[in-house]
């Protein structure tokens, strides 16, 4: 399972996607490419926070952003880990009004994540 949501009434979810870049880049460069894409694709995209978390035993950056999709306001947290030449995106997606309901659990998921 690469993602799941809370319930039929609360579609807040966490997903994990891996990405193997075709060229060498830093995590910051990778985020810049992501952000450029989000700004072009999402209505009202705005970066609202960035910070650091521990994921897989290493410090990784995370980014919190908002966007309007299908007329609904969403809030996202994306933690990005680089490991073994791959990037791993752990993304929490929620309606903006539901974001705070699950953020503690999401931060625990990030903290408990391990690489094999």
Protein backbone atom coordinates (compact mmCIF):
# COMPACT_ATOMS: atom_id res chain seq x y z
CA UNK A 1 0.00 0.00 0.00
CA UNK A 2 1.50 3.34 -0.97
CA UNK A 3 -1.28 5.49 0.48
CA UNK A 4 -4.50 5.39 2.46
CA UNK A 5 -7.14 7.82 3.68
CA UNK A 6 -8.77 8.29 7.07
CA UNK A 7 -12.41 7.43 6.30
CA UNK A 8 -15.16 7.76 3.73
CA UNK A 9 -15.97 11.16 5.26
CA UNK A 10 -12.40 12.41 5.78
CA UNK A 11 -10.22 11.77 2.75
CA UNK A 12 -7.06 13.03 4.47
CA UNK A 13 -4.26 10.74 3.33
CA UNK A 14 -0.57 9.95 3.39
CA UNK A 15 1.23 8.71 0.30
CA UNK A 16 4.79 7.69 -0.41
CA UNK A 17 6.30 8.03 -3.86
CA UNK A 18 9.86 7.25 -4.91
CA UNK A 19 11.62 9.03 -7.74
CA UNK A 20 14.88 8.16 -9.48
CA UNK A 21 16.22 11.32 -11.13
CA UNK A 22 17.96 11.11 -14.50
CA UNK A 23 20.52 13.68 -13.37
CA UNK A 24 22.31 14.32 -10.08
CA UNK A 25 20.56 16.89 -7.90
CA UNK A 26 20.26 17.91 -4.29
CA UNK A 27 17.08 17.64 -2.27
CA UNK A 28 16.71 21.42 -2.54
CA UNK A 29 17.00 21.28 -6.33
CA UNK A 30 14.46 18.48 -6.43
CA UNK A 31 12.03 20.50 -4.28
CA UNK A 32 12.52 23.52 -6.57
CA UNK A 33 11.40 21.37 -9.54
CA UNK A 34 8.39 20.12 -7.56
CA UNK A 35 7.44 23.61 -6.47
CA UNK A 36 7.68 24.96 -10.00
CA UNK A 37 5.31 22.22 -11.15
CA UNK A 38 2.85 22.85 -8.29
CA UNK A 39 2.80 26.59 -8.94
CA UNK A 40 1.97 25.94 -12.61
CA UNK A 41 -0.64 23.22 -11.97
CA UNK A 42 -2.46 24.24 -8.77
CA UNK A 43 -4.71 27.23 -8.38
CA UNK A 44 -3.69 29.54 -5.50
CA UNK A 45 -0.51 27.57 -4.72
CA UNK A 46 1.33 29.05 -1.71
CA UNK A 47 4.24 27.76 0.35
CA UNK A 48 3.35 28.48 3.98
CA UNK A 49 6.08 26.76 5.99
CA UNK A 50 9.29 24.78 5.70
CA UNK A 51 11.27 22.94 8.32
CA UNK A 52 13.24 19.83 9.16
CA UNK A 53 12.12 16.43 10.42
CA UNK A 54 13.79 13.07 11.01
CA UNK A 55 12.91 10.43 8.43
CA UNK A 56 14.75 7.14 8.13
CA UNK A 57 17.19 8.29 10.79
CA UNK A 58 18.28 11.38 8.85
CA UNK A 59 17.33 15.04 8.89
CA UNK A 60 15.10 15.83 5.91
CA UNK A 61 13.36 18.98 4.76
CA UNK A 62 9.59 19.27 4.75
CA UNK A 63 7.38 21.82 3.06
CA UNK A 64 3.82 22.83 3.90
CA UNK A 65 1.80 24.38 1.12
CA UNK A 66 -1.78 25.17 0.22
CA UNK A 67 -3.67 25.05 -3.06
CA UNK A 68 -7.17 25.07 -4.45
CA UNK A 69 -8.17 21.93 -6.35
CA UNK A 70 -11.65 21.45 -7.79
CA UNK A 71 -12.88 24.47 -5.83
CA UNK A 72 -11.70 22.99 -2.48
CA UNK A 73 -8.88 24.39 -0.32
CA UNK A 74 -6.21 21.79 0.50
CA UNK A 75 -3.17 21.82 2.72
CA UNK A 76 -0.18 19.54 2.15
CA UNK A 77 2.96 18.53 3.99
CA UNK A 78 5.70 17.00 1.87
CA UNK A 79 8.83 15.49 3.47
CA UNK A 80 11.61 14.65 1.02
CA UNK A 81 14.40 12.17 1.75
CA UNK A 82 17.28 11.40 -0.55
CA UNK A 83 18.70 7.89 -0.08
CA UNK A 84 20.73 5.69 -2.41
CA UNK A 85 20.27 8.02 -5.38
CA UNK A 86 16.48 7.99 -4.98
CA UNK A 87 14.15 10.66 -3.62
CA UNK A 88 11.29 9.61 -1.39
CA UNK A 89 8.29 11.94 -1.07
CA UNK A 90 6.05 11.34 1.90
CA UNK A 91 3.05 13.59 1.35
CA UNK A 92 0.16 14.33 3.69
CA UNK A 93 -2.90 15.75 1.93
CA UNK A 94 -6.00 17.11 3.67
CA UNK A 95 -8.73 19.62 3.22
CA UNK A 96 -7.35 22.78 4.81
CA UNK A 97 -9.95 22.60 7.60
CA UNK A 98 -8.92 19.00 8.45
CA UNK A 99 -5.15 19.42 8.28
CA UNK A 100 -4.58 19.98 12.01
CA UNK A 101 -6.71 16.94 12.93
CA UNK A 102 -4.00 14.51 11.81
CA UNK A 103 -0.69 16.41 11.74
CA UNK A 104 0.60 14.79 14.95
CA UNK A 105 0.05 11.31 13.52
CA UNK A 106 1.69 12.34 10.26
CA UNK A 107 4.78 13.65 12.04
CA UNK A 108 4.96 10.33 13.93
CA UNK A 109 4.76 8.42 10.61
CA UNK A 110 7.66 10.50 9.27
CA UNK A 111 9.67 9.88 12.45
CA UNK A 112 9.03 6.11 12.34
CA UNK A 113 9.85 5.72 8.62
CA UNK A 114 12.82 3.42 7.90
CA UNK A 115 14.79 2.57 4.78
CA UNK A 116 15.58 -1.09 4.03
